[in-house]
């Protein structure tokens, strides 16, 4: 099972991104509460944590309990989806796409920036502009 969660004290924006990402990818969203990363890692081979560290919003992918990929969310845009719902993610980030490809549908597109797009419920559409970050041990 693949999981999406947030930091323990997340903001409404971070929760919205995490919930919509889980919806689009078919992953399970977990309200973090008192769950520690070790507890989550024990139950899930692959999980994503979206959290605020210092003044930056981070998306960290954990594989077998170890941070394997980190992206800083530089900018996020929310809009209204036009057209049919796409179940999966669209990205120009080859590394992120390859990590997610085994767990959800990934569609690639060309862009000079690292972009991650996905459809949320109720016609929401999110676009995240990413930059590479450093995956730190938790």
C-alpha atoms as a PDB file:
ATOM      1  CA  UNK A   1       0.000   0.000   0.000  1.00  0.00           C
ATOM      2  CA  UNK A   2       1.243   3.490  -0.820  1.00  0.00           C
ATOM      3  CA  UNK A   3       0.501   6.309   1.568  1.00  0.00           C
ATOM      4  CA  UNK A   4       0.476  10.125   1.548  1.00  0.00           C
ATOM      5  CA  UNK A   5       0.734  12.011   4.827  1.00  0.00           C
ATOM      6  CA  UNK A   6       1.723  15.422   6.167  1.00  0.00           C
ATOM      7  CA  UNK A   7       3.683  16.754   9.099  1.00  0.00           C
ATOM      8  CA  UNK A   8       1.959  16.507  12.458  1.00  0.00           C
ATOM      9  CA  UNK A   9       1.022  20.183  12.470  1.00  0.00           C
ATOM     10  CA  UNK A  10       0.339  20.888   8.843  1.00  0.00           C
ATOM     11  CA  UNK A  11      -1.280  23.937   7.313  1.00  0.00           C
ATOM     12  CA  UNK A  12      -4.568  23.813   5.384  1.00  0.00           C
ATOM     13  CA  UNK A  13      -2.646  24.329   2.109  1.00  0.00           C
ATOM     14  CA  UNK A  14      -0.348  21.364   2.776  1.00  0.00           C
ATOM     15  CA  UNK A  15      -3.301  19.148   3.766  1.00  0.00           C
ATOM     16  CA  UNK A  16      -5.126  20.157   0.580  1.00  0.00           C
ATOM     17  CA  UNK A  17      -2.116  19.278  -1.598  1.00  0.00           C
ATOM     18  CA  UNK A  18      -1.667  15.922   0.178  1.00  0.00           C
ATOM     19  CA  UNK A  19      -5.350  14.955  -0.001  1.00  0.00           C
ATOM     20  CA  UNK A  20      -5.660  15.886  -3.675  1.00  0.00           C
ATOM     21  CA  UNK A  21      -2.425  14.049  -4.524  1.00  0.00           C
ATOM     22  CA  UNK A  22      -3.707  10.936  -2.731  1.00  0.00           C
ATOM     23  CA  UNK A  23      -7.026  11.196  -4.597  1.00  0.00           C
ATOM     24  CA  UNK A  24      -5.358  11.545  -8.006  1.00  0.00           C
ATOM     25  CA  UNK A  25      -2.810   8.781  -7.498  1.00  0.00           C
ATOM     26  CA  UNK A  26      -5.118   6.331  -5.758  1.00  0.00           C
ATOM     27  CA  UNK A  27      -2.879   6.338  -2.677  1.00  0.00           C
ATOM     28  CA  UNK A  28      -4.231   6.349   0.873  1.00  0.00           C
ATOM     29  CA  UNK A  29      -4.212   9.661   2.773  1.00  0.00           C
ATOM     30  CA  UNK A  30      -3.267   9.334   6.443  1.00  0.00           C
ATOM     31  CA  UNK A  31      -3.979  12.054   8.965  1.00  0.00           C
ATOM     32  CA  UNK A  32      -0.646  11.984  10.747  1.00  0.00           C
ATOM     33  CA  UNK A  33      -1.729  12.617  14.335  1.00  0.00           C
ATOM     34  CA  UNK A  34       0.669  10.818  16.636  1.00  0.00           C
ATOM     35  CA  UNK A  35       1.989   8.418  13.989  1.00  0.00           C
ATOM     36  CA  UNK A  36       5.777   8.555  13.810  1.00  0.00           C
ATOM     37  CA  UNK A  37       7.709   8.014  10.585  1.00  0.00           C
ATOM     38  CA  UNK A  38       9.123   4.732  11.919  1.00  0.00           C
ATOM     39  CA  UNK A  39       5.605   3.443  12.553  1.00  0.00           C
ATOM     40  CA  UNK A  40       4.488   4.483   9.059  1.00  0.00           C
ATOM     41  CA  UNK A  41       7.623   2.983   7.489  1.00  0.00           C
ATOM     42  CA  UNK A  42       6.975  -0.329   9.215  1.00  0.00           C
ATOM     43  CA  UNK A  43       3.625  -0.695   7.455  1.00  0.00           C
ATOM     44  CA  UNK A  44       4.421   0.830   4.035  1.00  0.00           C
ATOM     45  CA  UNK A  45       7.238   0.215   1.553  1.00  0.00           C
ATOM     46  CA  UNK A  46       6.589   3.515  -0.251  1.00  0.00           C
ATOM     47  CA  UNK A  47       5.107   6.660   1.262  1.00  0.00           C
ATOM     48  CA  UNK A  48       5.199  10.403   0.669  1.00  0.00           C
ATOM     49  CA  UNK A  49       5.363  13.128   3.290  1.00  0.00           C
ATOM     50  CA  UNK A  50       4.396  16.696   2.420  1.00  0.00           C
ATOM     51  CA  UNK A  51       5.508  19.073   5.136  1.00  0.00           C
ATOM     52  CA  UNK A  52       6.795  22.528   5.928  1.00  0.00           C
ATOM     53  CA  UNK A  53      10.453  22.667   6.965  1.00  0.00           C
ATOM     54  CA  UNK A  54      11.687  26.096   7.923  1.00  0.00           C
ATOM     55  CA  UNK A  55       9.986  28.294   5.313  1.00  0.00           C
ATOM     56  CA  UNK A  56       9.829  25.708   2.525  1.00  0.00           C
ATOM     57  CA  UNK A  57       7.198  23.149   1.627  1.00  0.00           C
ATOM     58  CA  UNK A  58       8.849  19.783   1.001  1.00  0.00           C
ATOM     59  CA  UNK A  59       7.693  16.628  -0.747  1.00  0.00           C
ATOM     60  CA  UNK A  60       9.777  13.671   0.426  1.00  0.00           C
ATOM     61  CA  UNK A  61       9.431  10.147  -0.946  1.00  0.00           C
ATOM     62  CA  UNK A  62      10.404   7.339   1.417  1.00  0.00           C
ATOM     63  CA  UNK A  63      11.279   3.895   0.064  1.00  0.00           C
ATOM     64  CA  UNK A  64      11.636   1.114   2.636  1.00  0.00           C
ATOM     65  CA  UNK A  65      11.690   3.748   5.399  1.00  0.00           C
ATOM     66  CA  UNK A  66      14.579   5.718   3.888  1.00  0.00           C
ATOM     67  CA  UNK A  67      14.185   9.149   2.245  1.00  0.00           C
ATOM     68  CA  UNK A  68      14.901   8.425  -1.416  1.00  0.00           C
ATOM     69  CA  UNK A  69      13.790  11.614  -3.177  1.00  0.00           C
ATOM     70  CA  UNK A  70      13.086  15.142  -2.017  1.00  0.00           C
ATOM     71  CA  UNK A  71      11.546  18.065  -3.866  1.00  0.00           C
ATOM     72  CA  UNK A  72      10.919  21.595  -2.637  1.00  0.00           C
ATOM     73  CA  UNK A  73       7.526  22.898  -3.710  1.00  0.00           C
ATOM     74  CA  UNK A  74       8.494  26.352  -4.907  1.00  0.00           C
ATOM     75  CA  UNK A  75       5.031  27.302  -6.108  1.00  0.00           C
ATOM     76  CA  UNK A  76       1.607  25.730  -6.208  1.00  0.00           C
ATOM     77  CA  UNK A  77      -1.347  26.748  -8.310  1.00  0.00           C
ATOM     78  CA  UNK A  78      -4.907  25.576  -7.905  1.00  0.00           C
ATOM     79  CA  UNK A  79      -7.465  25.880 -10.637  1.00  0.00           C
ATOM     80  CA  UNK A  80     -10.581  24.343 -12.064  1.00  0.00           C
ATOM     81  CA  UNK A  81     -10.125  21.155 -14.055  1.00  0.00           C
ATOM     82  CA  UNK A  82     -11.212  21.351 -17.653  1.00  0.00           C
ATOM     83  CA  UNK A  83     -12.046  18.114 -19.375  1.00  0.00           C
ATOM     84  CA  UNK A  84     -12.323  14.621 -17.928  1.00  0.00           C
ATOM     85  CA  UNK A  85     -10.742  13.492 -14.663  1.00  0.00           C
ATOM     86  CA  UNK A  86      -7.246  12.009 -15.063  1.00  0.00           C
ATOM     87  CA  UNK A  87      -6.503   9.314 -12.470  1.00  0.00           C
ATOM     88  CA  UNK A  88      -2.768   9.585 -11.983  1.00  0.00           C
ATOM     89  CA  UNK A  89      -0.152  12.318 -12.152  1.00  0.00           C
ATOM     90  CA  UNK A  90       1.422  14.288 -14.971  1.00  0.00           C
ATOM     91  CA  UNK A  91       5.005  15.400 -14.545  1.00  0.00           C
ATOM     92  CA  UNK A  92       8.119  16.692 -16.256  1.00  0.00           C
ATOM     93  CA  UNK A  93      10.231  15.298 -13.383  1.00  0.00           C
ATOM     94  CA  UNK A  94      11.660  12.013 -14.677  1.00  0.00           C
ATOM     95  CA  UNK A  95      13.072  10.928 -11.293  1.00  0.00           C
ATOM     96  CA  UNK A  96       9.840  11.528  -9.400  1.00  0.00           C
ATOM     97  CA  UNK A  97       7.850   9.872 -12.176  1.00  0.00           C
ATOM     98  CA  UNK A  98      10.032   6.766 -12.136  1.00  0.00           C
ATOM     99  CA  UNK A  99       9.571   6.379  -8.365  1.00  0.00           C
ATOM    100  CA  UNK A 100       5.788   6.740  -8.638  1.00  0.00           C
ATOM    101  CA  UNK A 101       5.372   4.704 -11.843  1.00  0.00           C
ATOM    102  CA  UNK A 102       5.096   1.370 -10.058  1.00  0.00           C
ATOM    103  CA  UNK A 103       2.269   2.619  -7.838  1.00  0.00           C
ATOM    104  CA  UNK A 104       0.154   4.908 -10.016  1.00  0.00           C
ATOM    105  CA  UNK A 105      -0.343   6.085 -13.587  1.00  0.00           C
ATOM    106  CA  UNK A 106       2.335   8.589 -14.609  1.00  0.00           C
ATOM    107  CA  UNK A 107       2.170  10.672 -17.775  1.00  0.00           C
ATOM    108  CA  UNK A 108       5.277  12.619 -18.793  1.00  0.00           C
ATOM    109  CA  UNK A 109       5.504  15.954 -20.590  1.00  0.00           C
ATOM    110  CA  UNK A 110       8.373  18.236 -21.552  1.00  0.00           C
ATOM    111  CA  UNK A 111       9.052  21.405 -19.593  1.00  0.00           C
ATOM    112  CA  UNK A 112      12.209  23.275 -18.582  1.00  0.00           C
ATOM    113  CA  UNK A 113      10.996  23.304 -14.970  1.00  0.00           C
ATOM    114  CA  UNK A 114      10.118  20.341 -12.764  1.00  0.00           C
ATOM    115  CA  UNK A 115       6.313  20.319 -12.754  1.00  0.00           C
ATOM    116  CA  UNK A 116       3.851  17.954 -11.071  1.00  0.00           C
ATOM    117  CA  UNK A 117       0.155  18.182 -12.004  1.00  0.00           C
ATOM    118  CA  UNK A 118      -2.827  16.227 -10.741  1.00  0.00           C
ATOM    119  CA  UNK A 119      -6.612  16.375 -10.561  1.00  0.00           C
ATOM    120  CA  UNK A 120      -8.375  16.571  -7.235  1.00  0.00           C
ATOM    121  CA  UNK A 121     -12.001  15.945  -6.369  1.00  0.00           C
ATOM    122  CA  UNK A 122     -14.745  18.456  -7.186  1.00  0.00           C
ATOM    123  CA  UNK A 123     -13.042  19.624 -10.406  1.00  0.00           C
ATOM    124  CA  UNK A 124      -9.925  20.859  -8.599  1.00  0.00           C
ATOM    125  CA  UNK A 125      -6.624  20.886 -10.489  1.00  0.00           C
ATOM    126  CA  UNK A 126      -3.234  21.406  -8.882  1.00  0.00           C
ATOM    127  CA  UNK A 127       0.107  22.283 -10.443  1.00  0.00           C
ATOM    128  CA  UNK A 128       3.276  22.220  -8.348  1.00  0.00           C
ATOM    129  CA  UNK A 129       6.545  23.806  -9.461  1.00  0.00           C
ATOM    130  CA  UNK A 130       9.355  21.786  -7.888  1.00  0.00           C
ATOM    131  CA  UNK A 131      13.078  22.165  -7.370  1.00  0.00           C
ATOM    132  CA  UNK A 132      15.462  19.402  -6.223  1.00  0.00           C
ATOM    133  CA  UNK A 133      15.974  19.172  -2.486  1.00  0.00           C
ATOM    134  CA  UNK A 134      18.166  17.054  -0.245  1.00  0.00           C
ATOM    135  CA  UNK A 135      16.595  13.936   1.256  1.00  0.00           C
ATOM    136  CA  UNK A 136      17.503  14.002   4.957  1.00  0.00           C
ATOM    137  CA  UNK A 137      17.224  11.088   7.357  1.00  0.00           C
ATOM    138  CA  UNK A 138      14.226  11.523   9.638  1.00  0.00           C
END
